[in-house]
Amino acid sequence: MKKINVVGNNIRIFRENKLITQEELALKSGLSQGYINQLENGKRRYTQKTLELIAESLSIPVIEFFKEDNEKRTTTKAENVEIQKTKKKAYKKDFSHLLNGLPNHIIEHYMSLLKLEKELLKRTTKS
């Protein structure tokens, strides 16, 4: 009889619903990407501490990992894209509002930082 990996499956579901990779979750939680992968695939056991770190990183209560009905809560790729577009619009509006009251030299500083971040992101996604 095959053992069901409820906790690992739920970690994957919540991570994918938030549109983050295993690597991003690892960075947020302070765990390794390999450990996240092994948890999701049922090849590694979890501890209370690791579940707390992952739950905090995903902004969900630990108890959600143990529920067997989370499969029904997954969103489609199209829904996830729409969610991200909505978030991006909100972030742009917030960012614009924040920059509005700042002096030009500070705005220029943040713009150069953003350009550097964008360039770094391009390089890391190409690798």
Protein backbone atom coordinates (compact mmCIF):
# COMPACT_ATOMS: atom_id res chain seq x y z
CA MET A 1 0.00 0.00 0.00
CA LYS A 2 1.42 3.37 -1.05
CA LYS A 3 1.85 5.96 1.66
CA ILE A 4 0.20 9.32 0.98
CA ASN A 5 2.47 12.34 1.35
CA VAL A 6 -0.15 14.83 2.60
CA VAL A 7 2.29 17.30 4.15
CA GLY A 8 4.69 17.32 1.20
CA ASN A 9 1.87 17.61 -1.32
CA ASN A 10 0.38 20.51 0.61
CA ILE A 11 3.72 22.30 0.81
CA ARG A 12 3.95 22.03 -2.99
CA ILE A 13 0.36 23.19 -3.49
CA PHE A 14 0.73 26.27 -1.28
CA ARG A 15 4.13 27.09 -2.80
CA GLU A 16 2.83 26.83 -6.35
CA ASN A 17 -0.30 28.82 -5.52
CA LYS A 18 1.96 31.64 -4.35
CA LEU A 19 3.93 31.28 -7.61
CA ILE A 20 7.28 30.72 -5.93
CA THR A 21 9.94 28.16 -6.74
CA GLN A 22 11.47 25.68 -4.34
CA GLU A 23 14.60 27.83 -4.37
CA GLU A 24 12.65 30.96 -3.42
CA LEU A 25 10.92 29.09 -0.60
CA ALA A 26 14.28 27.81 0.57
CA LEU A 27 15.69 31.34 0.66
CA LYS A 28 12.66 32.67 2.54
CA SER A 29 12.64 29.84 5.06
CA GLY A 30 16.38 29.44 5.56
CA LEU A 31 16.22 25.80 4.46
CA SER A 32 17.91 24.25 1.45
CA GLN A 33 16.22 23.79 -1.90
CA GLY A 34 17.13 20.09 -1.75
CA TYR A 35 15.40 19.71 1.60
CA ILE A 36 12.25 21.41 0.26
CA ASN A 37 12.33 19.10 -2.75
CA GLN A 38 12.72 15.99 -0.58
CA LEU A 39 9.86 17.09 1.70
CA GLU A 40 7.55 17.68 -1.25
CA ASN A 41 8.42 14.29 -2.71
CA GLY A 42 8.08 12.40 0.58
CA LYS A 43 11.74 11.41 0.65
CA ARG A 44 12.52 13.29 3.84
CA ARG A 45 10.75 13.67 7.16
CA TYR A 46 9.78 17.05 8.52
CA THR A 47 10.25 18.52 11.97
CA GLN A 48 8.01 20.93 13.78
CA LYS A 49 10.65 23.63 13.35
CA THR A 50 10.98 23.14 9.58
CA LEU A 51 7.20 23.19 9.13
CA GLU A 52 7.02 26.39 11.17
CA LEU A 53 9.71 28.00 8.99
CA ILE A 54 7.94 26.96 5.78
CA ALA A 55 4.51 28.00 7.06
CA GLU A 56 5.85 31.41 8.08
CA SER A 57 7.48 31.82 4.68
CA LEU A 58 4.20 30.98 2.94
CA SER A 59 2.13 33.05 5.40
CA ILE A 60 -0.14 30.15 6.35
CA PRO A 61 -0.83 28.27 9.60
CA VAL A 62 1.11 25.00 10.05
CA ILE A 63 -2.17 23.08 10.43
CA GLU A 64 -2.89 23.67 6.72
CA PHE A 65 -0.13 21.21 5.81
CA PHE A 66 -2.07 18.37 7.42
CA LYS A 67 -5.41 18.91 5.68
CA GLU A 68 -6.21 16.40 2.98
CA ASP A 69 -8.57 18.65 1.01
CA ASN A 70 -5.99 21.26 -0.07
CA GLU A 71 -5.81 19.64 -3.52
CA LYS A 72 -9.14 21.31 -4.26
CA ARG A 73 -7.69 24.73 -3.47
CA THR A 74 -5.17 24.79 -6.30
CA THR A 75 -5.55 27.50 -8.88
CA THR A 76 -5.01 27.19 -12.60
CA LYS A 77 -2.00 28.69 -14.31
CA ALA A 78 -4.24 31.31 -15.95
CA GLU A 79 -5.67 32.28 -12.54
CA ASN A 80 -2.15 32.56 -11.13
CA VAL A 81 -1.07 34.81 -14.01
CA GLU A 82 -4.10 37.04 -13.40
CA ILE A 83 -3.32 37.20 -9.66
CA GLN A 84 0.27 38.21 -10.43
CA LYS A 85 -0.88 40.91 -12.88
CA THR A 86 -3.21 42.34 -10.23
CA LYS A 87 -0.43 42.31 -7.62
CA LYS A 88 1.98 43.96 -10.04
CA LYS A 89 -0.50 46.77 -10.75
CA ALA A 90 -0.94 47.35 -7.02
CA TYR A 91 2.82 47.37 -6.48
CA LYS A 92 3.31 49.86 -9.32
CA LYS A 93 0.68 52.15 -7.82
CA ASP A 94 2.24 51.89 -4.34
CA PHE A 95 5.72 52.46 -5.75
CA SER A 96 4.62 55.49 -7.71
CA HIS A 97 2.90 56.89 -4.62
CA LEU A 98 6.04 56.37 -2.51
CA LEU A 99 8.29 58.06 -5.05
CA ASN A 100 5.97 61.04 -5.41
CA GLY A 101 7.07 62.81 -2.26
CA LEU A 102 10.80 62.13 -2.55
CA PRO A 103 13.50 64.51 -3.81
CA ASN A 104 14.87 63.84 -7.32
CA HIS A 105 18.30 62.64 -6.16
CA ILE A 106 16.69 59.91 -4.03
CA ILE A 107 14.39 58.87 -6.89
CA GLU A 108 17.42 58.61 -9.18
CA HIS A 109 19.19 56.49 -6.57
CA TYR A 110 16.28 54.04 -6.32
CA MET A 111 15.90 53.92 -10.09
CA SER A 112 19.54 52.88 -10.49
CA LEU A 113 19.09 50.22 -7.82
CA LEU A 114 16.02 48.87 -9.60
CA LYS A 115 17.86 48.77 -12.92
CA LEU A 116 20.68 46.80 -11.27
CA GLU A 117 18.19 44.40 -9.69
CA LYS A 118 16.49 43.87 -13.05
CA GLU A 119 19.84 43.17 -14.72
CA LEU A 120 20.79 40.69 -11.99
CA LEU A 121 17.44 38.96 -12.33
CA LYS A 122 17.95 38.62 -16.10
CA ARG A 123 21.37 37.05 -15.53
CA THR A 124 20.15 34.57 -12.93
CA THR A 125 17.15 33.46 -14.99
CA LYS A 126 19.36 32.85 -18.05
CA SER A 127 21.64 30.50 -16.07
